[in-house]
Amino acid sequence: MARKQSRIDPDSWKEIPVTEGSGNVFADLGFADPEDALTKVQLASHIRQVVKRRRLTQAAAATLMGIDQPKVSALLNGRLANFSSERLMRLLTALGQDVEITVRATPRGRAQGQVRVMGTAAP
């Protein structure tokens, strides 16, 4: 049976209001501590990259990081409520990654500082 293809009128897109994001989805969604939430997600993403790049099983990753496999599963699936940023940094170092923290003055025009996780996971 042939499916009827629907056509979307590009002119109707103009009617959809768009709000530019702040760069932190957690702030945009009204989370209580958006900077910490974003930092934790970025650190967990680096852990995920290392585990994937090294082709580690969850059990092998757990052994390297000194935690149990269910915690690795939670971490890799984005369930980060039981992980602090500090703990995630320790897990990265257990996986053989260097974590560097740099403190510097904010640029002019921005009153409040921000926390950013930068770099790529190395093999």
N, C-alpha and C. Protein backbone atom coordinates (compact mmCIF):
# COMPACT_ATOMS: atom_id res chain seq x y z
N MET A 1 0.84 -1.18 0.00
CA MET A 1 0.00 0.00 0.00
C MET A 1 0.89 1.24 0.00
N ALA A 2 0.63 2.13 -0.90
CA ALA A 2 1.43 3.35 -1.02
C ALA A 2 1.07 4.32 0.10
N ARG A 3 2.11 4.93 0.63
CA ARG A 3 1.89 5.93 1.68
C ARG A 3 1.80 7.30 1.06
N LYS A 4 0.89 8.08 1.54
CA LYS A 4 0.74 9.44 1.07
C LYS A 4 1.80 10.29 1.75
N GLN A 5 2.59 10.97 0.96
CA GLN A 5 3.63 11.83 1.52
C GLN A 5 3.02 13.18 1.85
N SER A 6 3.32 13.63 3.05
CA SER A 6 2.82 14.94 3.43
C SER A 6 3.87 15.98 3.09
N ARG A 7 3.42 17.11 2.69
CA ARG A 7 4.32 18.20 2.35
C ARG A 7 4.24 19.26 3.45
N ILE A 8 5.38 19.72 3.84
CA ILE A 8 5.44 20.79 4.85
C ILE A 8 5.71 22.09 4.12
N ASP A 9 4.85 23.04 4.36
CA ASP A 9 5.00 24.34 3.74
C ASP A 9 6.09 25.12 4.45
N PRO A 10 7.22 25.42 3.76
CA PRO A 10 8.31 26.16 4.41
C PRO A 10 7.87 27.51 4.96
N ASP A 11 6.83 28.11 4.41
CA ASP A 11 6.35 29.38 4.92
C ASP A 11 5.76 29.25 6.32
N SER A 12 5.28 28.04 6.66
CA SER A 12 4.70 27.84 7.99
C SER A 12 5.78 27.83 9.07
N TRP A 13 7.02 27.57 8.70
CA TRP A 13 8.13 27.57 9.66
C TRP A 13 8.32 28.95 10.27
N LYS A 14 8.01 29.96 9.52
CA LYS A 14 8.20 31.33 10.00
C LYS A 14 7.31 31.63 11.21
N GLU A 15 6.24 30.84 11.38
CA GLU A 15 5.31 31.07 12.47
C GLU A 15 5.77 30.45 13.78
N ILE A 16 6.78 29.59 13.73
CA ILE A 16 7.25 28.90 14.92
C ILE A 16 8.23 29.80 15.65
N PRO A 17 7.92 30.18 16.92
CA PRO A 17 8.84 31.04 17.65
C PRO A 17 10.10 30.25 18.06
N VAL A 18 11.23 30.87 17.93
CA VAL A 18 12.50 30.24 18.27
C VAL A 18 13.22 31.13 19.28
N THR A 19 13.69 30.50 20.34
CA THR A 19 14.45 31.21 21.35
C THR A 19 15.86 30.66 21.35
N GLU A 20 16.84 31.53 21.23
CA GLU A 20 18.23 31.09 21.23
C GLU A 20 18.61 30.59 22.62
N GLY A 21 19.30 29.45 22.67
CA GLY A 21 19.72 28.87 23.93
C GLY A 21 20.89 29.63 24.54
N SER A 22 21.10 29.40 25.82
CA SER A 22 22.18 30.07 26.54
C SER A 22 23.51 29.36 26.38
N GLY A 23 23.48 28.14 25.84
CA GLY A 23 24.68 27.32 25.78
C GLY A 23 24.69 26.28 26.89
N ASN A 24 23.75 26.39 27.81
CA ASN A 24 23.62 25.41 28.88
C ASN A 24 22.15 24.99 28.93
N VAL A 25 21.87 23.81 28.41
CA VAL A 25 20.49 23.33 28.34
C VAL A 25 19.87 23.22 29.73
N PHE A 26 20.69 22.93 30.75
CA PHE A 26 20.16 22.81 32.11
C PHE A 26 19.69 24.16 32.65
N ALA A 27 20.38 25.23 32.29
CA ALA A 27 19.94 26.58 32.67
C ALA A 27 18.67 26.93 31.91
N ASP A 28 18.65 26.58 30.63
CA ASP A 28 17.48 26.88 29.81
C ASP A 28 16.22 26.17 30.33
N LEU A 29 16.42 24.97 30.91
CA LEU A 29 15.28 24.20 31.42
C LEU A 29 14.96 24.51 32.89
N GLY A 30 15.74 25.41 33.51
CA GLY A 30 15.45 25.85 34.86
C GLY A 30 15.95 24.92 35.97
N PHE A 31 16.98 24.13 35.70
CA PHE A 31 17.54 23.26 36.74
C PHE A 31 18.11 24.11 37.87
N ALA A 32 18.13 23.54 39.08
CA ALA A 32 18.57 24.27 40.27
C ALA A 32 20.04 24.67 40.19
N ASP A 33 20.93 23.78 39.76
CA ASP A 33 22.36 24.07 39.69
C ASP A 33 22.86 23.70 38.29
N PRO A 34 22.52 24.53 37.32
CA PRO A 34 22.79 24.17 35.92
C PRO A 34 24.27 24.05 35.58
N GLU A 35 25.13 24.85 36.20
CA GLU A 35 26.58 24.78 35.90
C GLU A 35 27.13 23.41 36.32
N ASP A 36 26.75 22.95 37.51
CA ASP A 36 27.22 21.65 37.98
C ASP A 36 26.66 20.53 37.12
N ALA A 37 25.40 20.61 36.76
CA ALA A 37 24.79 19.58 35.92
C ALA A 37 25.51 19.47 34.58
N LEU A 38 25.81 20.60 33.95
CA LEU A 38 26.50 20.59 32.67
C LEU A 38 27.92 20.05 32.82
N THR A 39 28.61 20.44 33.87
CA THR A 39 29.97 19.96 34.12
C THR A 39 29.97 18.44 34.27
N LYS A 40 29.04 17.91 35.04
CA LYS A 40 28.96 16.47 35.26
C LYS A 40 28.69 15.73 33.95
N VAL A 41 27.80 16.25 33.14
CA VAL A 41 27.49 15.62 31.86
C VAL A 41 28.71 15.63 30.95
N GLN A 42 29.43 16.73 30.93
CA GLN A 42 30.62 16.82 30.08
C GLN A 42 31.72 15.87 30.56
N LEU A 43 31.92 15.76 31.87
CA LEU A 43 32.91 14.83 32.41
C LEU A 43 32.51 13.38 32.11
N ALA A 44 31.24 13.07 32.29
CA ALA A 44 30.74 11.72 32.00
C ALA A 44 30.90 11.40 30.52
N SER A 45 30.72 12.39 29.68
CA SER A 45 30.91 12.19 28.24
C SER A 45 32.35 11.80 27.92
N HIS A 46 33.29 12.44 28.59
CA HIS A 46 34.70 12.08 28.39
C HIS A 46 34.97 10.66 28.87
N ILE A 47 34.38 10.27 29.98
CA ILE A 47 34.54 8.90 30.46
C ILE A 47 33.98 7.93 29.43
N ARG A 48 32.80 8.24 28.92
CA ARG A 48 32.16 7.40 27.89
C ARG A 48 33.07 7.26 26.67
N GLN A 49 33.69 8.36 26.25
CA GLN A 49 34.58 8.33 25.09
C GLN A 49 35.78 7.42 25.34
N VAL A 50 36.36 7.51 26.53
CA VAL A 50 37.53 6.67 26.86
C VAL A 50 37.13 5.20 26.86
N VAL A 51 36.02 4.88 27.49
CA VAL A 51 35.55 3.49 27.56
C VAL A 51 35.30 2.96 26.15
N LYS A 52 34.67 3.76 25.32
CA LYS A 52 34.38 3.34 23.95
C LYS A 52 35.66 3.19 23.14
N ARG A 53 36.54 4.18 23.22
CA ARG A 53 37.78 4.17 22.45
C ARG A 53 38.65 2.97 22.82
N ARG A 54 38.68 2.65 24.11
CA ARG A 54 39.50 1.53 24.57
C ARG A 54 38.77 0.20 24.48
N ARG A 55 37.51 0.25 24.04
CA ARG A 55 36.67 -0.94 23.88
C ARG A 55 36.60 -1.75 25.17
N LEU A 56 36.38 -1.03 26.26
CA LEU A 56 36.29 -1.67 27.57
C LEU A 56 34.87 -2.17 27.81
N THR A 57 34.76 -3.33 28.40
CA THR A 57 33.46 -3.77 28.88
C THR A 57 33.15 -2.97 30.13
N GLN A 58 31.88 -2.98 30.54
CA GLN A 58 31.53 -2.28 31.77
C GLN A 58 32.28 -2.88 32.96
N ALA A 59 32.46 -4.21 32.96
CA ALA A 59 33.17 -4.86 34.06
C ALA A 59 34.63 -4.44 34.08
N ALA A 60 35.26 -4.36 32.90
CA ALA A 60 36.67 -3.94 32.84
C ALA A 60 36.82 -2.49 33.25
N ALA A 61 35.90 -1.64 32.80
CA ALA A 61 35.93 -0.23 33.18
C ALA A 61 35.74 -0.09 34.69
N ALA A 62 34.84 -0.88 35.25
CA ALA A 62 34.58 -0.85 36.69
C ALA A 62 35.85 -1.19 37.47
N THR A 63 36.56 -2.22 37.01
CA THR A 63 37.79 -2.62 37.69
C THR A 63 38.83 -1.51 37.64
N LEU A 64 39.00 -0.89 36.47
CA LEU A 64 39.97 0.20 36.33
C LEU A 64 39.62 1.40 37.21
N MET A 65 38.33 1.72 37.29
CA MET A 65 37.90 2.90 38.03
C MET A 65 37.68 2.62 39.51
N GLY A 66 37.69 1.35 39.91
CA GLY A 66 37.49 1.01 41.31
C GLY A 66 36.07 1.17 41.79
N ILE A 67 35.11 0.96 40.89
CA ILE A 67 33.69 1.01 41.26
C ILE A 67 33.04 -0.27 40.74
N ASP A 68 31.79 -0.51 41.12
CA ASP A 68 31.14 -1.73 40.63
C ASP A 68 30.47 -1.49 39.28
N GLN A 69 30.18 -2.58 38.59
CA GLN A 69 29.63 -2.51 37.23
C GLN A 69 28.30 -1.76 37.16
N PRO A 70 27.37 -1.93 38.12
CA PRO A 70 26.12 -1.16 38.03
C PRO A 70 26.36 0.36 38.05
N LYS A 71 27.38 0.82 38.77
CA LYS A 71 27.69 2.25 38.77
C LYS A 71 28.22 2.69 37.40
N VAL A 72 29.01 1.81 36.76
CA VAL A 72 29.49 2.12 35.41
C VAL A 72 28.30 2.21 34.46
N SER A 73 27.36 1.29 34.58
CA SER A 73 26.17 1.31 33.74
C SER A 73 25.40 2.61 33.94
N ALA A 74 25.20 3.00 35.19
CA ALA A 74 24.49 4.25 35.48
C ALA A 74 25.22 5.44 34.85
N LEU A 75 26.53 5.47 35.03
CA LEU A 75 27.34 6.58 34.50
C LEU A 75 27.24 6.65 32.98
N LEU A 76 27.41 5.50 32.31
CA LEU A 76 27.38 5.49 30.85
C LEU A 76 26.01 5.78 30.29
N ASN A 77 24.98 5.59 31.10
CA ASN A 77 23.61 5.88 30.66
C ASN A 77 23.09 7.23 31.15
N GLY A 78 24.01 8.06 31.68
CA GLY A 78 23.64 9.43 32.03
C GLY A 78 22.93 9.59 33.35
N ARG A 79 22.90 8.57 34.17
CA ARG A 79 22.28 8.68 35.49
C ARG A 79 23.38 9.12 36.46
N LEU A 80 23.50 10.42 36.64
CA LEU A 80 24.65 11.00 37.34
C LEU A 80 24.34 11.55 38.72
N ALA A 81 23.16 11.30 39.23
CA ALA A 81 22.75 11.86 40.52
C ALA A 81 23.70 11.46 41.65
N ASN A 82 24.28 10.29 41.58
CA ASN A 82 25.16 9.82 42.66
C ASN A 82 26.63 10.07 42.38
N PHE A 83 26.92 10.92 41.41
CA PHE A 83 28.30 11.23 41.05
C PHE A 83 28.52 12.74 41.19
N SER A 84 29.55 13.12 41.93
CA SER A 84 29.92 14.53 42.01
C SER A 84 30.92 14.81 40.87
N SER A 85 31.11 16.07 40.57
CA SER A 85 32.11 16.44 39.56
C SER A 85 33.49 15.95 39.99
N GLU A 86 33.78 16.09 41.27
CA GLU A 86 35.08 15.65 41.78
C GLU A 86 35.27 14.14 41.58
N ARG A 87 34.24 13.38 41.87
CA ARG A 87 34.33 11.93 41.69
C ARG A 87 34.53 11.57 40.22
N LEU A 88 33.83 12.25 39.33
CA LEU A 88 33.98 11.99 37.90
C LEU A 88 35.40 12.31 37.44
N MET A 89 36.00 13.36 38.00
CA MET A 89 37.39 13.68 37.66
C MET A 89 38.33 12.59 38.14
N ARG A 90 38.07 12.05 39.33
CA ARG A 90 38.89 10.94 39.84
C ARG A 90 38.75 9.71 38.95
N LEU A 91 37.55 9.45 38.46
CA LEU A 91 37.34 8.31 37.57
C LEU A 91 38.10 8.50 36.26
N LEU A 92 38.12 9.72 35.75
CA LEU A 92 38.90 10.00 34.54
C LEU A 92 40.38 9.73 34.76
N THR A 93 40.91 10.15 35.90
CA THR A 93 42.33 9.90 36.15
C THR A 93 42.60 8.41 36.32
N ALA A 94 41.65 7.67 36.89
CA ALA A 94 41.80 6.22 37.02
C ALA A 94 41.83 5.55 35.64
N LEU A 95 41.20 6.19 34.66
CA LEU A 95 41.22 5.67 33.29
C LEU A 95 42.44 6.17 32.51
N GLY A 96 43.36 6.82 33.20
CA GLY A 96 44.59 7.27 32.55
C GLY A 96 44.49 8.60 31.85
N GLN A 97 43.53 9.41 32.26
CA GLN A 97 43.36 10.73 31.66
C GLN A 97 43.86 11.80 32.62
N ASP A 98 44.49 12.83 32.10
CA ASP A 98 44.87 13.99 32.90
C ASP A 98 43.69 14.95 32.94
N VAL A 99 43.43 15.51 34.10
CA VAL A 99 42.38 16.52 34.27
C VAL A 99 43.08 17.78 34.73
N GLU A 100 42.94 18.85 33.97
CA GLU A 100 43.57 20.12 34.31
C GLU A 100 42.49 21.14 34.65
N ILE A 101 42.72 21.90 35.69
CA ILE A 101 41.79 22.94 36.10
C ILE A 101 42.52 24.27 35.96
N THR A 102 41.96 25.17 35.18
CA THR A 102 42.55 26.48 34.97
C THR A 102 41.59 27.54 35.50
N VAL A 103 42.10 28.46 36.26
CA VAL A 103 41.28 29.56 36.79
C VAL A 103 41.78 30.84 36.16
N ARG A 104 40.88 31.64 35.60
CA ARG A 104 41.26 32.92 35.00
C ARG A 104 40.11 33.90 35.15
N ALA A 105 40.42 35.17 34.99
CA ALA A 105 39.41 36.22 35.10
C ALA A 105 38.41 36.10 33.95
N THR A 106 37.18 36.50 34.20
CA THR A 106 36.17 36.49 33.15
C THR A 106 36.43 37.61 32.16
N PRO A 107 36.02 37.43 30.92
CA PRO A 107 36.18 38.52 29.95
C PRO A 107 35.29 39.70 30.32
N ARG A 108 35.67 40.87 29.83
CA ARG A 108 34.85 42.06 30.08
C ARG A 108 33.46 41.85 29.51
N GLY A 109 32.51 42.37 30.21
CA GLY A 109 31.13 42.26 29.74
C GLY A 109 30.39 41.07 30.34
N ARG A 110 31.11 40.19 31.02
CA ARG A 110 30.46 39.06 31.67
C ARG A 110 30.81 39.11 33.15
N ALA A 111 29.81 39.31 33.98
CA ALA A 111 30.04 39.51 35.41
C ALA A 111 30.35 38.21 36.14
N GLN A 112 29.68 37.13 35.73
CA GLN A 112 29.83 35.87 36.46
C GLN A 112 30.70 34.91 35.67
N GLY A 113 31.53 34.16 36.38
CA GLY A 113 32.39 33.16 35.76
C GLY A 113 31.59 31.94 35.35
N GLN A 114 32.23 31.03 34.65
CA GLN A 114 31.58 29.80 34.24
C GLN A 114 32.57 28.65 34.33
N VAL A 115 32.06 27.46 34.41
CA VAL A 115 32.88 26.26 34.42
C VAL A 115 32.70 25.58 33.07
N ARG A 116 33.80 25.21 32.44
CA ARG A 116 33.75 24.52 31.15
C ARG A 116 34.67 23.32 31.19
N VAL A 117 34.24 22.26 30.58
CA VAL A 117 35.08 21.08 30.41
C VAL A 117 35.49 21.05 28.95
N MET A 118 36.80 21.05 28.73
CA MET A 118 37.31 21.14 27.36
C MET A 118 38.25 19.98 27.09
N GLY A 119 38.55 19.78 25.83
CA GLY A 119 39.53 18.77 25.45
C GLY A 119 38.88 17.52 24.94
N THR A 120 39.72 16.62 24.52
CA THR A 120 39.25 15.34 24.02
C THR A 120 39.94 14.24 24.79
N ALA A 121 39.26 13.15 24.94
CA ALA A 121 39.84 12.00 25.65
C ALA A 121 40.91 11.38 24.78
N ALA A 122 42.01 11.07 25.39
CA ALA A 122 43.10 10.42 24.67
C ALA A 122 43.01 8.92 24.84
N PRO A 123 43.57 8.15 23.92
CA PRO A 123 43.49 6.69 24.04
C PRO A 123 44.18 6.17 25.26
